[in-house]
C-alpha atoms as a PDB file:
ATOM      1  CA  MET A   1      75.354 -10.737 -10.606  1.00  0.00           C
ATOM      2  CA  PRO A   2      73.794 -12.884 -13.207  1.00  0.00           C
ATOM      3  CA  ARG A   3      71.720 -10.727 -15.307  1.00  0.00           C
ATOM      4  CA  LYS A   4      68.325 -12.398 -15.054  1.00  0.00           C
ATOM      5  CA  GLU A   5      69.089 -11.666 -11.197  1.00  0.00           C
ATOM      6  CA  GLN A   6      70.135  -8.164 -11.736  1.00  0.00           C
ATOM      7  CA  LEU A   7      67.046  -7.254 -13.753  1.00  0.00           C
ATOM      8  CA  ASN A   8      64.864  -9.401 -11.242  1.00  0.00           C
ATOM      9  CA  ALA A   9      66.643  -6.882  -8.375  1.00  0.00           C
ATOM     10  CA  ILE A  10      65.276  -3.468 -10.158  1.00  0.00           C
ATOM     11  CA  GLU A  11      62.075  -4.833 -11.375  1.00  0.00           C
ATOM     12  CA  LYS A  12      59.154  -3.816  -8.791  1.00  0.00           C
ATOM     13  CA  ASN A  13      57.310  -7.242  -8.909  1.00  0.00           C
ATOM     14  CA  GLN A  14      58.484 -10.631 -10.748  1.00  0.00           C
ATOM     15  CA  GLU A  15      55.391 -10.793 -12.896  1.00  0.00           C
ATOM     16  CA  ALA A  16      55.549  -8.611 -15.962  1.00  0.00           C
ATOM     17  CA  ILE A  17      52.245  -6.761 -17.345  1.00  0.00           C
ATOM     18  CA  ALA A  18      51.777  -8.575 -21.159  1.00  0.00           C
ATOM     19  CA  LEU A  19      51.524  -6.006 -24.017  1.00  0.00           C
ATOM     20  CA  ALA A  20      50.508  -6.376 -27.791  1.00  0.00           C
ATOM     21  CA  VAL A  21      53.685  -6.526 -29.700  1.00  0.00           C
ATOM     22  CA  THR A  22      52.409  -3.145 -31.236  1.00  0.00           C
ATOM     23  CA  HIS A  23      52.253  -1.449 -28.392  1.00  0.00           C
ATOM     24  CA  ALA A  24      55.193  -2.530 -26.663  1.00  0.00           C
ATOM     25  CA  VAL A  25      56.918  -0.641 -29.569  1.00  0.00           C
ATOM     26  CA  LEU A  26      54.891   2.534 -29.408  1.00  0.00           C
ATOM     27  CA  LYS A  27      55.669   2.758 -25.977  1.00  0.00           C
ATOM     28  CA  LEU A  28      59.436   2.551 -26.581  1.00  0.00           C
ATOM     29  CA  GLY A  29      58.742   5.658 -28.747  1.00  0.00           C
ATOM     30  CA  VAL A  30      60.963   6.653 -31.316  1.00  0.00           C
ATOM     31  CA  ALA A  31      64.810   7.384 -31.341  1.00  0.00           C
ATOM     32  CA  THR A  32      65.031   5.250 -27.962  1.00  0.00           C
ATOM     33  CA  LEU A  33      68.373   2.953 -27.441  1.00  0.00           C
ATOM     34  CA  VAL A  34      67.744  -0.709 -27.424  1.00  0.00           C
ATOM     35  CA  ARG A  35      69.642  -3.897 -26.744  1.00  0.00           C
ATOM     36  CA  VAL A  36      69.223  -6.547 -29.342  1.00  0.00           C
ATOM     37  CA  HIS A  37      70.146 -10.233 -29.028  1.00  0.00           C
ATOM     38  CA  ILE A  38      70.106 -12.125 -32.431  1.00  0.00           C
ATOM     39  CA  GLN A  39      70.033 -15.886 -32.597  1.00  0.00           C
ATOM     40  CA  THR A  40      71.603 -17.951 -35.290  1.00  0.00           C
ATOM     41  CA  PRO A  41      70.514 -21.240 -36.724  1.00  0.00           C
ATOM     42  CA  THR A  42      73.734 -22.803 -35.199  1.00  0.00           C
ATOM     43  CA  LYS A  43      72.727 -21.599 -31.697  1.00  0.00           C
ATOM     44  CA  ALA A  44      75.226 -18.500 -31.814  1.00  0.00           C
ATOM     45  CA  LEU A  45      74.062 -15.346 -30.072  1.00  0.00           C
ATOM     46  CA  PHE A  46      75.233 -11.851 -31.316  1.00  0.00           C
ATOM     47  CA  ARG A  47      73.992  -9.104 -29.153  1.00  0.00           C
ATOM     48  CA  PHE A  48      74.661  -5.040 -29.974  1.00  0.00           C
ATOM     49  CA  ASN A  49      72.513  -1.535 -28.891  1.00  0.00           C
ATOM     50  CA  GLY A  50      70.416   0.399 -31.658  1.00  0.00           C
ATOM     51  CA  LEU A  51      68.370   3.159 -31.911  1.00  0.00           C
ATOM     52  CA  LEU A  52      64.317   2.428 -32.438  1.00  0.00           C
ATOM     53  CA  ILE A  53      63.446   4.696 -35.174  1.00  0.00           C
ATOM     54  CA  GLY A  54      59.772   3.689 -35.526  1.00  0.00           C
ATOM     55  CA  SER A  55      57.351   1.003 -36.639  1.00  0.00           C
ATOM     56  CA  ASP A  56      54.730   0.636 -39.458  1.00  0.00           C
ATOM     57  CA  GLY A  57      52.408  -0.040 -36.592  1.00  0.00           C
ATOM     58  CA  GLN A  58      51.310  -3.265 -37.302  1.00  0.00           C
ATOM     59  CA  ARG A  59      53.954  -5.750 -38.257  1.00  0.00           C
ATOM     60  CA  PHE A  60      57.222  -4.267 -38.695  1.00  0.00           C
ATOM     61  CA  CYS A  61      59.448  -2.172 -36.583  1.00  0.00           C
ATOM     62  CA  TYR A  62      63.165  -0.345 -37.656  1.00  0.00           C
ATOM     63  CA  LEU A  63      66.365   0.032 -36.307  1.00  0.00           C
ATOM     64  CA  GLN A  64      69.645   1.935 -36.996  1.00  0.00           C
ATOM     65  CA  LEU A  65      72.436  -0.510 -36.508  1.00  0.00           C
ATOM     66  CA  PRO A  66      75.873   1.019 -35.036  1.00  0.00           C
ATOM     67  CA  LYS A  67      79.112   0.354 -37.689  1.00  0.00           C
ATOM     68  CA  LEU A  68      79.496  -3.139 -38.074  1.00  0.00           C
ATOM     69  CA  SER A  69      81.176  -5.332 -40.078  1.00  0.00           C
ATOM     70  CA  SER A  70      80.279  -6.766 -43.467  1.00  0.00           C
ATOM     71  CA  GLN A  71      81.220 -10.228 -42.052  1.00  0.00           C
ATOM     72  CA  GLN A  72      78.917  -9.847 -38.729  1.00  0.00           C
ATOM     73  CA  LYS A  73      76.229  -8.240 -40.672  1.00  0.00           C
ATOM     74  CA  LYS A  74      76.303 -11.387 -43.343  1.00  0.00           C
ATOM     75  CA  GLN A  75      76.964 -14.266 -40.220  1.00  0.00           C
ATOM     76  CA  TYR A  76      73.890 -12.280 -37.912  1.00  0.00           C
ATOM     77  CA  PHE A  77      71.595 -10.897 -39.685  1.00  0.00           C
ATOM     78  CA  GLY A  78      70.012 -13.574 -41.893  1.00  0.00           C
ATOM     79  CA  ALA A  79      66.361 -13.531 -42.794  1.00  0.00           C
ATOM     80  CA  GLY A  80      64.261 -15.172 -40.704  1.00  0.00           C
ATOM     81  CA  TYR A  81      66.499 -15.649 -37.539  1.00  0.00           C
ATOM     82  CA  SER A  82      65.086 -14.735 -34.293  1.00  0.00           C
ATOM     83  CA  LEU A  83      65.776 -12.313 -31.951  1.00  0.00           C
ATOM     84  CA  ARG A  84      64.922 -10.144 -28.283  1.00  0.00           C
ATOM     85  CA  LEU A  85      64.744  -6.881 -28.010  1.00  0.00           C
ATOM     86  CA  HIS A  86      64.327  -4.813 -24.634  1.00  0.00           C
ATOM     87  CA  GLY A  87      64.703  -0.745 -24.272  1.00  0.00           C
ATOM     88  CA  VAL A  88      63.305   1.817 -21.514  1.00  0.00           C
ATOM     89  CA  SER A  89      60.232   3.531 -22.290  1.00  0.00           C
ATOM     90  CA  ALA A  90      59.778   7.114 -21.072  1.00  0.00           C
ATOM     91  CA  ASP A  91      57.766   6.026 -17.732  1.00  0.00           C
ATOM     92  CA  GLY A  92      60.342   3.566 -16.606  1.00  0.00           C
ATOM     93  CA  SER A  93      59.052   0.423 -17.826  1.00  0.00           C
ATOM     94  CA  LEU A  94      61.676  -2.352 -18.938  1.00  0.00           C
ATOM     95  CA  ILE A  95      59.781  -3.047 -22.358  1.00  0.00           C
ATOM     96  CA  ARG A  96      60.746  -6.479 -23.820  1.00  0.00           C
ATOM     97  CA  PHE A  97      59.566  -8.389 -27.062  1.00  0.00           C
ATOM     98  CA  GLY A  98      60.691 -10.469 -29.333  1.00  0.00           C
ATOM     99  CA  GLY A  99      60.722 -10.696 -33.733  1.00  0.00           C
ATOM    100  CA  LYS A 100      62.670 -12.129 -36.777  1.00  0.00           C
ATOM    101  CA  VAL A 101      65.168 -10.338 -39.002  1.00  0.00           C
ATOM    102  CA  GLN A 102      63.294  -9.696 -42.346  1.00  0.00           C
ATOM    103  CA  GLY A 103      66.504  -7.364 -43.889  1.00  0.00           C
ATOM    104  CA  LEU A 104      68.922  -4.750 -43.799  1.00  0.00           C
ATOM    105  CA  MET A 105      68.509  -1.835 -45.341  1.00  0.00           C
ATOM    106  CA  GLU A 106      71.818   0.078 -46.740  1.00  0.00           C
ATOM    107  CA  ALA A 107      72.047   3.935 -46.841  1.00  0.00           C
ATOM    108  CA  HIS A 108      73.527   6.627 -45.043  1.00  0.00           C
ATOM    109  CA  HIS A 109      72.533   4.150 -42.073  1.00  0.00           C
ATOM    110  CA  THR A 110      72.230   0.733 -42.091  1.00  0.00           C
ATOM    111  CA  LEU A 111      68.855  -0.162 -40.916  1.00  0.00           C
ATOM    112  CA  LEU A 112      67.208  -3.418 -39.821  1.00  0.00           C
ATOM    113  CA  CYS A 113      63.391  -4.320 -40.607  1.00  0.00           C
ATOM    114  CA  VAL A 114      62.219  -6.764 -37.717  1.00  0.00           C
ATOM    115  CA  GLU A 115      58.954  -8.979 -38.141  1.00  0.00           C
ATOM    116  CA  LEU A 116      57.666  -8.824 -34.998  1.00  0.00           C
ATOM    117  CA  VAL A 117      56.402 -11.825 -32.960  1.00  0.00           C
ATOM    118  CA  ARG A 118      52.712 -11.120 -31.702  1.00  0.00           C
ATOM    119  CA  ASP A 119      53.629 -13.482 -28.172  1.00  0.00           C
ATOM    120  CA  GLY A 120      55.924 -12.309 -25.596  1.00  0.00           C
ATOM    121  CA  ALA A 121      55.728  -9.003 -25.505  1.00  0.00           C
ATOM    122  CA  SER A 122      55.991  -7.139 -21.759  1.00  0.00           C
ATOM    123  CA  ALA A 123      56.483  -4.266 -19.471  1.00  0.00           C
ATOM    124  CA  THR A 124      58.146  -4.346 -16.144  1.00  0.00           C
ATOM    125  CA  PRO A 125      57.927  -1.348 -14.060  1.00  0.00           C
ATOM    126  CA  LEU A 126      61.273  -0.868 -12.686  1.00  0.00           C
ATOM    127  CA  ARG A 127      62.309   0.298  -8.880  1.00  0.00           C
ATOM    128  CA  GLN A 128      64.267   3.559  -8.547  1.00  0.00           C
ATOM    129  CA  ASP A 129      66.455   2.717  -4.977  1.00  0.00           C
ATOM    130  CA  LYS A 130      68.395  -0.653  -6.032  1.00  0.00           C
ATOM    131  CA  ARG A 131      71.703   1.076  -6.017  1.00  0.00           C
ATOM    132  CA  PHE A 132      74.939  -0.246  -8.207  1.00  0.00           C
ATOM    133  CA  ASN A 133      78.416   0.235  -7.636  1.00  0.00           C
ATOM    134  CA  VAL A 134      80.431   1.435 -10.936  1.00  0.00           C
ATOM    135  CA  GLU A 135      82.761   3.784 -12.375  1.00  0.00           C
ATOM    136  CA  LEU A 136      81.492   5.723 -15.131  1.00  0.00           C
ATOM    137  CA  SER A 137      83.230   8.613 -16.983  1.00  0.00           C
ATOM    138  CA  ALA A 138      81.116  11.844 -17.526  1.00  0.00           C
ATOM    139  CA  ALA A 139      81.080  15.605 -17.940  1.00  0.00           C
ATOM    140  CA  LEU A 140      79.600  17.442 -15.309  1.00  0.00           C
ATOM    141  CA  ASN A 141      77.736  20.862 -16.483  1.00  0.00           C
ATOM    142  CA  ILE A 142      76.715  23.705 -14.607  1.00  0.00           C
ATOM    143  CA  ASP A 143      75.282  26.892 -14.747  1.00  0.00           C
ATOM    144  CA  GLY A 144      76.605  27.322 -18.381  1.00  0.00           C
ATOM    145  CA  LYS A 145      80.290  26.614 -17.096  1.00  0.00           C
ATOM    146  CA  ALA A 146      83.281  24.939 -18.759  1.00  0.00           C
ATOM    147  CA  SER A 147      82.054  21.042 -18.329  1.00  0.00           C
ATOM    148  CA  VAL A 148      84.242  19.013 -15.674  1.00  0.00           C
ATOM    149  CA  PRO A 149      85.603  15.628 -16.042  1.00  0.00           C
ATOM    150  CA  VAL A 150      83.725  13.432 -13.184  1.00  0.00           C
ATOM    151  CA  THR A 151      83.829  10.098 -12.222  1.00  0.00           C
ATOM    152  CA  ILE A 152      80.360   8.439 -11.324  1.00  0.00           C
ATOM    153  CA  HIS A 153      80.378   5.727  -8.349  1.00  0.00           C
ATOM    154  CA  ASP A 154      76.840   4.843  -7.368  1.00  0.00           C
ATOM    155  CA  LEU A 155      74.206   4.328  -9.741  1.00  0.00           C
ATOM    156  CA  SER A 156      70.146   3.780  -9.327  1.00  0.00           C
ATOM    157  CA  VAL A 157      67.369   4.972 -11.758  1.00  0.00           C
ATOM    158  CA  GLY A 158      66.360   8.080  -9.665  1.00  0.00           C
ATOM    159  CA  GLY A 159      70.207   9.066  -9.252  1.00  0.00           C
ATOM    160  CA  CYS A 160      73.613   8.874  -8.469  1.00  0.00           C
ATOM    161  CA  LEU A 161      76.782   9.840  -6.571  1.00  0.00           C
ATOM    162  CA  PHE A 162      79.438  11.219  -8.458  1.00  0.00           C
ATOM    163  CA  SER A 163      83.427  12.746  -7.799  1.00  0.00           C
ATOM    164  CA  TYR A 164      85.592  15.280  -9.278  1.00  0.00           C
ATOM    165  CA  ARG A 165      88.945  16.747  -8.008  1.00  0.00           C
ATOM    166  CA  ALA A 166      88.567  19.851  -5.657  1.00  0.00           C
ATOM    167  CA  ILE A 167      89.882  22.559  -8.787  1.00  0.00           C
ATOM    168  CA  GLY A 168      87.787  25.528  -7.369  1.00  0.00           C
ATOM    169  CA  LEU A 169      84.431  24.751  -8.880  1.00  0.00           C
ATOM    170  CA  GLN A 170      81.796  25.987  -6.476  1.00  0.00           C
ATOM    171  CA  ILE A 171      78.878  24.113  -6.307  1.00  0.00           C
ATOM    172  CA  ASP A 172      75.198  24.506  -4.251  1.00  0.00           C
ATOM    173  CA  GLU A 173      72.713  21.994  -3.114  1.00  0.00           C
ATOM    174  CA  GLU A 174      69.483  22.392  -4.867  1.00  0.00           C
ATOM    175  CA  GLN A 175      71.291  23.616  -8.052  1.00  0.00           C
ATOM    176  CA  ASN A 176      70.468  22.199 -11.325  1.00  0.00           C
ATOM    177  CA  ALA A 177      73.150  20.049 -12.999  1.00  0.00           C
ATOM    178  CA  ALA A 178      73.635  17.671 -15.876  1.00  0.00           C
ATOM    179  CA  LEU A 179      76.028  14.608 -16.207  1.00  0.00           C
ATOM    180  CA  SER A 180      76.967  13.565 -20.111  1.00  0.00           C
ATOM    181  CA  LEU A 181      78.727   9.853 -20.002  1.00  0.00           C
ATOM    182  CA  THR A 182      81.894   9.986 -22.096  1.00  0.00           C
ATOM    183  CA  GLY A 183      83.787   7.604 -23.971  1.00  0.00           C
ATOM    184  CA  ILE A 184      81.209   5.832 -25.963  1.00  0.00           C
ATOM    185  CA  PRO A 185      79.771   6.873 -29.271  1.00  0.00           C
ATOM    186  CA  ALA A 186      77.704   9.563 -30.098  1.00  0.00           C
ATOM    187  CA  SER A 187      74.780   7.602 -31.317  1.00  0.00           C
ATOM    188  CA  GLN A 188      74.706   6.405 -27.503  1.00  0.00           C
ATOM    189  CA  ALA A 189      75.146   9.614 -26.023  1.00  0.00           C
ATOM    190  CA  LEU A 190      73.176   9.557 -22.510  1.00  0.00           C
ATOM    191  CA  THR A 191      72.762  13.149 -20.628  1.00  0.00           C
ATOM    192  CA  MET A 192      70.859  12.905 -17.141  1.00  0.00           C
ATOM    193  CA  SER A 193      69.995  15.893 -15.525  1.00  0.00           C
ATOM    194  CA  GLY A 194      68.627  16.690 -12.140  1.00  0.00           C
ATOM    195  CA  VAL A 195      69.537  18.633  -8.876  1.00  0.00           C
ATOM    196  CA  ILE A 196      72.386  18.557  -6.272  1.00  0.00           C
ATOM    197  CA  LEU A 197      70.970  16.917  -3.352  1.00  0.00           C
ATOM    198  CA  SER A 198      74.441  16.927  -1.407  1.00  0.00           C
ATOM    199  CA  HIS A 199      78.098  18.317  -1.806  1.00  0.00           C
ATOM    200  CA  ARG A 200      80.794  17.795   0.405  1.00  0.00           C
ATOM    201  CA  LEU A 201      84.744  17.547   0.560  1.00  0.00           C
ATOM    202  CA  LYS A 202      86.637  14.279   0.890  1.00  0.00           C
ATOM    203  CA  GLY A 203      90.272  14.408   0.780  1.00  0.00           C
ATOM    204  CA  GLU A 204      90.999  15.874  -2.778  1.00  0.00           C
ATOM    205  CA  ARG A 205      87.632  15.101  -4.195  1.00  0.00           C
ATOM    206  CA  TYR A 206      84.358  16.497  -3.785  1.00  0.00           C
ATOM    207  CA  HIS A 207      81.333  14.242  -3.881  1.00  0.00           C
ATOM    208  CA  CYS A 208      77.894  15.143  -4.948  1.00  0.00           C
ATOM    209  CA  GLY A 209      74.413  13.320  -4.733  1.00  0.00           C
ATOM    210  CA  LEU A 210      72.363  13.653  -7.647  1.00  0.00           C
ATOM    211  CA  LYS A 211      68.707  13.453  -7.875  1.00  0.00           C
ATOM    212  CA  PHE A 212      67.538  12.815 -11.971  1.00  0.00           C
ATOM    213  CA  ASP A 213      64.183  14.489 -12.841  1.00  0.00           C
ATOM    214  CA  ASP A 214      61.764  12.802 -14.228  1.00  0.00           C
ATOM    215  CA  ARG A 215      62.898  13.000 -18.082  1.00  0.00           C
ATOM    216  CA  SER A 216      66.312  11.567 -17.244  1.00  0.00           C
ATOM    217  CA  LYS A 217      64.882   8.354 -15.216  1.00  0.00           C
ATOM    218  CA  SER A 218      64.526   6.504 -18.373  1.00  0.00           C
ATOM    219  CA  ARG A 219      68.063   7.060 -19.833  1.00  0.00           C
ATOM    220  CA  SER A 220      68.954   6.103 -16.327  1.00  0.00           C
ATOM    221  CA  ALA A 221      66.915   3.030 -16.178  1.00  0.00           C
ATOM    222  CA  TRP A 222      68.419   2.183 -19.750  1.00  0.00           C
ATOM    223  CA  LEU A 223      72.099   3.043 -18.524  1.00  0.00           C
ATOM    224  CA  VAL A 224      71.472   0.138 -15.668  1.00  0.00           C
ATOM    225  CA  THR A 225      69.711  -2.381 -17.767  1.00  0.00           C
ATOM    226  CA  ASN A 226      73.013  -2.425 -19.812  1.00  0.00           C
ATOM    227  CA  LEU A 227      75.300  -3.086 -16.951  1.00  0.00           C
ATOM    228  CA  ASP A 228      77.332  -6.087 -16.836  1.00  0.00           C
ATOM    229  CA  TYR A 229      79.142  -7.194 -13.157  1.00  0.00           C
ATOM    230  CA  ASP A 230      82.975  -7.976 -13.471  1.00  0.00           C
ATOM    231  CA  GLY A 231      83.338  -9.557  -9.668  1.00  0.00           C
ATOM    232  CA  GLU A 232      83.806  -5.865  -8.396  1.00  0.00           C
ATOM    233  CA  LEU A 233      82.105  -3.103 -10.229  1.00  0.00           C
ATOM    234  CA  TYR A 234      79.424  -2.814 -12.926  1.00  0.00           C
ATOM    235  CA  ARG A 235      80.510  -1.740 -16.429  1.00  0.00           C
ATOM    236  CA  LEU A 236      78.440  -0.652 -19.661  1.00  0.00           C
ATOM    237  CA  SER A 237      78.829  -4.026 -21.146  1.00  0.00           C
ATOM    238  CA  ILE A 238      79.367  -3.195 -24.840  1.00  0.00           C
ATOM    239  CA  PRO A 239      81.329   0.561 -24.599  1.00  0.00           C
ATOM    240  CA  HIS A 240      82.327   0.768 -27.598  1.00  0.00           C
ATOM    241  CA  ASN A 241      79.076  -0.899 -29.562  1.00  0.00           C
ATOM    242  CA  ASP A 242      80.668  -2.885 -32.096  1.00  0.00           C
ATOM    243  CA  GLY A 243      78.465  -5.802 -31.747  1.00  0.00           C
ATOM    244  CA  GLU A 244      79.830  -8.976 -29.884  1.00  0.00           C
ATOM    245  CA  LEU A 245      78.998 -12.410 -29.152  1.00  0.00           C
ATOM    246  CA  THR A 246      76.838 -13.669 -26.241  1.00  0.00           C
ATOM    247  CA  SER A 247      76.334 -16.726 -24.396  1.00  0.00           C
ATOM    248  CA  SER A 248      72.840 -15.621 -23.018  1.00  0.00           C
ATOM    249  CA  LEU A 249      69.910 -14.757 -25.346  1.00  0.00           C
ATOM    250  CA  SER A 250      68.192 -13.577 -21.973  1.00  0.00           C
ATOM    251  CA  ILE A 251      67.128 -10.067 -21.503  1.00  0.00           C
END
C-alpha cells in the first residue's frame, strides 16, 4: 500500500483541519519524534526521523538530528531547502507542516533550525481500529519481572497482538504490561503500555492481545505512520535512522 493510501486508511476523515503553523508545533509538544523530508534544489529527497525539541513560538522550530555524516549534512541541509514534517500529537492527531532549512548548530547534538512556512499546517484525527500486519521485535515487561523477548504481529493505534515462547511466564487477563521496541536507536525508544485483553497458547507460543492506554496511543500512532509495506508485511521505514534518499515528499 503506497504511503498516501496508508495514511488515508487510518485518518478518520479525508479533510484535515487547518492550523496556524505555530499552533501545529505547539500541539506536537516537546521531545516528540517526527519524520522529516528535505527536498534539495535538484529535487533530491532525503528523509530521517528527528526529535522536535521546541520553538520560539513565532518563526522557528528546532530539531535534534540523528547521527548523520558530514557529507549528508553538506548535501541535504543547505539554507533555504524546503522540508515537510509530520508527527503525532498527544491526542492522536497526525500533524503536518512545512518549513525551510535555516541552519545547523553543532554541539553535543546537532540541532536543525527550521524557518516555519505559514501555510499548509494541518491536524487529522487517526482511527484506532485500522490494523497492520507487522513483525516487530520488542521486550515485554510485566509486574517488575525480567523482560521477555516478544514479536508484535498485528498493530493498530489502539492496541496490538504479540507472541512469545512458552517459557513459563504467567500472564493473566486485565494485567498491566508494557512493550518496548528493540533494535532501534535509543533516541527513538518507544514503550507502549496497556492492559492484557487475551492470553492463549497456540503451539509453542503464547499469543496475547494488548490494549494501549491513552498515554501510549500517540506513540503507537507515530509508529503506525512510520511503517512501509514491503509486499508482505509493514516494517519500520528507517530502522537505524541514519537518513536515506526517498522518492516521495508526500507525508
